[in-house]
């Protein structure tokens, strides 16, 4: 999967050939000829431009970058959001009533085990978020490539 970061603020993606942009070019492919770009479900973020300027390949319409770099920038936030939604779902009154019933009538100690598991999940999620933040930070430590910043500016892009 790859993304096309465009200077007009649009972020697009494609799964063309299931190859990374660099691998496709290494095999003699021309990124300009790839069709089937679809608009991303989210708006373009400054981090998308930042990784494109470090790891991308210039094309007429913008910079093509391997999805890995775009996704790595979003991963910490998505992990947090997903975990919070799961916690909110578990706090629903109907779920809590079911937990109480199971603990009282079917499996004494059920709630305590659930609370212990929830603490373990909290710790695991926090560690996953820390690792994702570190990967995101490392990706941005790489300096921007001059040829990419020059290209980006030449097609109307603004450097964040």
C-alpha atoms as a PDB file:
ATOM      1  CA  UNK A   1       0.000   0.000   0.000  1.00  0.00           C
ATOM      2  CA  UNK A   2       1.170   3.508  -0.715  1.00  0.00           C
ATOM      3  CA  UNK A   3      -0.034   7.048  -0.205  1.00  0.00           C
ATOM      4  CA  UNK A   4       0.041  10.079  -2.463  1.00  0.00           C
ATOM      5  CA  UNK A   5       0.571  13.254  -0.448  1.00  0.00           C
ATOM      6  CA  UNK A   6      -0.620  16.185  -2.541  1.00  0.00           C
ATOM      7  CA  UNK A   7       0.102  19.908  -2.086  1.00  0.00           C
ATOM      8  CA  UNK A   8      -3.631  20.715  -2.252  1.00  0.00           C
ATOM      9  CA  UNK A   9      -4.129  18.990   1.110  1.00  0.00           C
ATOM     10  CA  UNK A  10      -5.570  15.767  -0.286  1.00  0.00           C
ATOM     11  CA  UNK A  11      -4.234  12.426   0.907  1.00  0.00           C
ATOM     12  CA  UNK A  12      -4.845   9.439  -1.358  1.00  0.00           C
ATOM     13  CA  UNK A  13      -3.968   5.755  -1.185  1.00  0.00           C
ATOM     14  CA  UNK A  14      -3.724   2.710  -3.417  1.00  0.00           C
ATOM     15  CA  UNK A  15      -2.801  -0.929  -3.012  1.00  0.00           C
ATOM     16  CA  UNK A  16      -1.332  -1.095  -6.503  1.00  0.00           C
ATOM     17  CA  UNK A  17       0.549  -4.378  -6.960  1.00  0.00           C
ATOM     18  CA  UNK A  18       0.948  -4.681  -3.154  1.00  0.00           C
ATOM     19  CA  UNK A  19       4.411  -3.173  -3.547  1.00  0.00           C
ATOM     20  CA  UNK A  20       6.124  -0.311  -1.804  1.00  0.00           C
ATOM     21  CA  UNK A  21       6.814   2.699  -4.034  1.00  0.00           C
ATOM     22  CA  UNK A  22      10.579   2.172  -3.892  1.00  0.00           C
ATOM     23  CA  UNK A  23      10.279  -1.523  -4.744  1.00  0.00           C
ATOM     24  CA  UNK A  24       7.975  -0.717  -7.655  1.00  0.00           C
ATOM     25  CA  UNK A  25      10.480   1.810  -9.025  1.00  0.00           C
ATOM     26  CA  UNK A  26      13.374  -0.647  -8.486  1.00  0.00           C
ATOM     27  CA  UNK A  27      11.480  -3.161 -10.648  1.00  0.00           C
ATOM     28  CA  UNK A  28      11.285  -0.590 -13.448  1.00  0.00           C
ATOM     29  CA  UNK A  29       7.800   0.699 -12.684  1.00  0.00           C
ATOM     30  CA  UNK A  30       6.701   4.284 -13.224  1.00  0.00           C
ATOM     31  CA  UNK A  31       4.741   5.765 -10.314  1.00  0.00           C
ATOM     32  CA  UNK A  32       3.210   8.345 -12.663  1.00  0.00           C
ATOM     33  CA  UNK A  33       1.225   5.598 -14.400  1.00  0.00           C
ATOM     34  CA  UNK A  34      -0.449   4.213 -11.290  1.00  0.00           C
ATOM     35  CA  UNK A  35      -4.190   4.711 -11.296  1.00  0.00           C
ATOM     36  CA  UNK A  36      -6.874   3.806  -8.821  1.00  0.00           C
ATOM     37  CA  UNK A  37      -5.935   6.375  -6.202  1.00  0.00           C
ATOM     38  CA  UNK A  38      -8.682   6.800  -3.622  1.00  0.00           C
ATOM     39  CA  UNK A  39      -9.140   9.645  -1.182  1.00  0.00           C
ATOM     40  CA  UNK A  40      -8.187   8.707   2.366  1.00  0.00           C
ATOM     41  CA  UNK A  41     -10.932   8.614   4.973  1.00  0.00           C
ATOM     42  CA  UNK A  42      -9.147  11.257   6.996  1.00  0.00           C
ATOM     43  CA  UNK A  43      -7.696  14.641   6.128  1.00  0.00           C
ATOM     44  CA  UNK A  44      -4.034  15.081   5.337  1.00  0.00           C
ATOM     45  CA  UNK A  45      -1.983  15.839   8.454  1.00  0.00           C
ATOM     46  CA  UNK A  46       1.323  17.734   8.781  1.00  0.00           C
ATOM     47  CA  UNK A  47       2.960  14.432   9.779  1.00  0.00           C
ATOM     48  CA  UNK A  48       1.983  12.977   6.376  1.00  0.00           C
ATOM     49  CA  UNK A  49       3.929  15.737   4.655  1.00  0.00           C
ATOM     50  CA  UNK A  50       6.801  15.366   7.119  1.00  0.00           C
ATOM     51  CA  UNK A  51       7.336  11.676   6.361  1.00  0.00           C
ATOM     52  CA  UNK A  52       6.775  12.184   2.628  1.00  0.00           C
ATOM     53  CA  UNK A  53       9.609  14.741   2.630  1.00  0.00           C
ATOM     54  CA  UNK A  54      11.894  12.163   4.235  1.00  0.00           C
ATOM     55  CA  UNK A  55      10.931   8.857   2.620  1.00  0.00           C
ATOM     56  CA  UNK A  56       8.881   9.642  -0.488  1.00  0.00           C
ATOM     57  CA  UNK A  57       9.343   9.601  -4.224  1.00  0.00           C
ATOM     58  CA  UNK A  58       8.381  12.720  -6.186  1.00  0.00           C
ATOM     59  CA  UNK A  59       5.671  12.545  -8.854  1.00  0.00           C
ATOM     60  CA  UNK A  60       3.888  15.266 -10.828  1.00  0.00           C
ATOM     61  CA  UNK A  61       0.932  15.450  -8.442  1.00  0.00           C
ATOM     62  CA  UNK A  62       2.825  15.229  -5.152  1.00  0.00           C
ATOM     63  CA  UNK A  63       4.967  12.714  -3.300  1.00  0.00           C
ATOM     64  CA  UNK A  64       4.311   8.971  -3.119  1.00  0.00           C
ATOM     65  CA  UNK A  65       5.288   7.372   0.169  1.00  0.00           C
ATOM     66  CA  UNK A  66       5.079   3.852   1.551  1.00  0.00           C
ATOM     67  CA  UNK A  67       2.038   3.434   3.794  1.00  0.00           C
ATOM     68  CA  UNK A  68       4.277   2.226   6.612  1.00  0.00           C
ATOM     69  CA  UNK A  69       5.484   5.760   7.317  1.00  0.00           C
ATOM     70  CA  UNK A  70       2.040   7.367   7.187  1.00  0.00           C
ATOM     71  CA  UNK A  71       0.513   4.674   9.389  1.00  0.00           C
ATOM     72  CA  UNK A  72       3.367   4.800  11.908  1.00  0.00           C
ATOM     73  CA  UNK A  73       2.589   8.476  12.563  1.00  0.00           C
ATOM     74  CA  UNK A  74      -1.076   7.728  13.328  1.00  0.00           C
ATOM     75  CA  UNK A  75      -0.595   4.497  15.267  1.00  0.00           C
ATOM     76  CA  UNK A  76      -0.139   5.993  18.785  1.00  0.00           C
ATOM     77  CA  UNK A  77      -3.363   7.985  18.491  1.00  0.00           C
ATOM     78  CA  UNK A  78      -5.301   5.090  17.020  1.00  0.00           C
ATOM     79  CA  UNK A  79      -4.126   2.740  19.776  1.00  0.00           C
ATOM     80  CA  UNK A  80      -5.273   5.196  22.430  1.00  0.00           C
ATOM     81  CA  UNK A  81      -8.611   5.818  20.729  1.00  0.00           C
ATOM     82  CA  UNK A  82      -9.363   2.135  20.210  1.00  0.00           C
ATOM     83  CA  UNK A  83      -8.509   1.300  23.803  1.00  0.00           C
ATOM     84  CA  UNK A  84     -10.643   4.139  25.166  1.00  0.00           C
ATOM     85  CA  UNK A  85     -13.612   3.008  23.077  1.00  0.00           C
ATOM     86  CA  UNK A  86     -13.213  -0.540  24.392  1.00  0.00           C
ATOM     87  CA  UNK A  87     -13.070   0.747  27.973  1.00  0.00           C
ATOM     88  CA  UNK A  88     -16.170   2.879  27.397  1.00  0.00           C
ATOM     89  CA  UNK A  89     -18.033  -0.115  25.993  1.00  0.00           C
ATOM     90  CA  UNK A  90     -17.098  -2.173  29.049  1.00  0.00           C
ATOM     91  CA  UNK A  91     -18.454   0.545  31.331  1.00  0.00           C
ATOM     92  CA  UNK A  92     -21.925   0.356  29.746  1.00  0.00           C
ATOM     93  CA  UNK A  93     -24.603  -0.261  32.438  1.00  0.00           C
ATOM     94  CA  UNK A  94     -25.810  -3.421  30.711  1.00  0.00           C
ATOM     95  CA  UNK A  95     -22.298  -4.862  30.674  1.00  0.00           C
ATOM     96  CA  UNK A  96     -21.806  -3.922  34.315  1.00  0.00           C
ATOM     97  CA  UNK A  97     -25.115  -5.577  35.290  1.00  0.00           C
ATOM     98  CA  UNK A  98     -24.075  -8.740  33.461  1.00  0.00           C
ATOM     99  CA  UNK A  99     -20.704  -8.708  35.226  1.00  0.00           C
ATOM    100  CA  UNK A 100     -22.465  -8.357  38.601  1.00  0.00           C
ATOM    101  CA  UNK A 101     -24.826 -11.234  37.795  1.00  0.00           C
ATOM    102  CA  UNK A 102     -21.997 -13.543  36.722  1.00  0.00           C
ATOM    103  CA  UNK A 103     -19.940 -12.647  39.801  1.00  0.00           C
ATOM    104  CA  UNK A 104     -22.850 -13.160  42.178  1.00  0.00           C
ATOM    105  CA  UNK A 105     -24.551 -16.224  40.700  1.00  0.00           C
ATOM    106  CA  UNK A 106     -22.243 -18.103  38.356  1.00  0.00           C
ATOM    107  CA  UNK A 107     -18.577 -17.413  39.004  1.00  0.00           C
ATOM    108  CA  UNK A 108     -17.628 -15.740  42.266  1.00  0.00           C
ATOM    109  CA  UNK A 109     -14.473 -13.691  41.774  1.00  0.00           C
ATOM    110  CA  UNK A 110     -15.380 -12.918  38.151  1.00  0.00           C
ATOM    111  CA  UNK A 111     -15.344  -9.157  38.684  1.00  0.00           C
ATOM    112  CA  UNK A 112     -12.001  -9.214  40.491  1.00  0.00           C
ATOM    113  CA  UNK A 113     -10.443 -11.246  37.695  1.00  0.00           C
ATOM    114  CA  UNK A 114     -11.886  -8.783  35.194  1.00  0.00           C
ATOM    115  CA  UNK A 115     -10.434  -5.838  37.116  1.00  0.00           C
ATOM    116  CA  UNK A 116      -7.040  -7.557  37.280  1.00  0.00           C
ATOM    117  CA  UNK A 117      -7.173  -8.202  33.550  1.00  0.00           C
ATOM    118  CA  UNK A 118      -8.179  -4.576  32.918  1.00  0.00           C
ATOM    119  CA  UNK A 119      -5.083  -3.388  34.821  1.00  0.00           C
ATOM    120  CA  UNK A 120      -2.884  -5.697  32.751  1.00  0.00           C
ATOM    121  CA  UNK A 121      -4.499  -4.396  29.568  1.00  0.00           C
ATOM    122  CA  UNK A 122      -3.895  -0.812  30.719  1.00  0.00           C
ATOM    123  CA  UNK A 123      -0.202  -1.562  31.167  1.00  0.00           C
ATOM    124  CA  UNK A 124       0.049  -3.398  27.851  1.00  0.00           C
ATOM    125  CA  UNK A 125      -1.722  -0.601  25.999  1.00  0.00           C
ATOM    126  CA  UNK A 126       0.491   2.042  27.589  1.00  0.00           C
ATOM    127  CA  UNK A 127       3.573   0.086  26.511  1.00  0.00           C
ATOM    128  CA  UNK A 128       2.200  -0.285  22.971  1.00  0.00           C
ATOM    129  CA  UNK A 129       1.545   3.453  22.796  1.00  0.00           C
ATOM    130  CA  UNK A 130       5.067   4.203  24.082  1.00  0.00           C
ATOM    131  CA  UNK A 131       6.575   1.926  21.425  1.00  0.00           C
ATOM    132  CA  UNK A 132       4.431   3.489  18.691  1.00  0.00           C
ATOM    133  CA  UNK A 133       5.406   6.996  19.808  1.00  0.00           C
ATOM    134  CA  UNK A 134       9.076   6.023  19.745  1.00  0.00           C
ATOM    135  CA  UNK A 135       8.781   4.615  16.212  1.00  0.00           C
ATOM    136  CA  UNK A 136       6.929   7.744  15.102  1.00  0.00           C
ATOM    137  CA  UNK A 137       9.628   9.947  16.635  1.00  0.00           C
ATOM    138  CA  UNK A 138      12.432   7.926  15.041  1.00  0.00           C
ATOM    139  CA  UNK A 139      10.835   8.258  11.605  1.00  0.00           C
ATOM    140  CA  UNK A 140      10.870  12.043  11.985  1.00  0.00           C
ATOM    141  CA  UNK A 141      14.508  12.179  13.136  1.00  0.00           C
ATOM    142  CA  UNK A 142      15.651  11.423   9.596  1.00  0.00           C
ATOM    143  CA  UNK A 143      16.445  14.708   7.834  1.00  0.00           C
ATOM    144  CA  UNK A 144      14.206  15.885   5.023  1.00  0.00           C
ATOM    145  CA  UNK A 145      15.632  15.202   1.579  1.00  0.00           C
ATOM    146  CA  UNK A 146      16.543  18.357  -0.292  1.00  0.00           C
ATOM    147  CA  UNK A 147      15.264  17.006  -3.608  1.00  0.00           C
ATOM    148  CA  UNK A 148      11.886  16.280  -2.006  1.00  0.00           C
ATOM    149  CA  UNK A 149      11.559  19.683  -0.334  1.00  0.00           C
ATOM    150  CA  UNK A 150      12.527  21.395  -3.594  1.00  0.00           C
ATOM    151  CA  UNK A 151       9.970  19.332  -5.521  1.00  0.00           C
ATOM    152  CA  UNK A 152       7.277  19.934  -2.886  1.00  0.00           C
ATOM    153  CA  UNK A 153       7.752  23.703  -3.016  1.00  0.00           C
ATOM    154  CA  UNK A 154       7.840  23.680  -6.830  1.00  0.00           C
ATOM    155  CA  UNK A 155       4.356  22.134  -6.995  1.00  0.00           C
ATOM    156  CA  UNK A 156       2.901  24.558  -4.468  1.00  0.00           C
ATOM    157  CA  UNK A 157       3.466  22.616  -1.272  1.00  0.00           C
ATOM    158  CA  UNK A 158       4.196  24.246   2.070  1.00  0.00           C
ATOM    159  CA  UNK A 159       6.735  22.706   4.429  1.00  0.00           C
ATOM    160  CA  UNK A 160       5.219  22.185   7.901  1.00  0.00           C
END
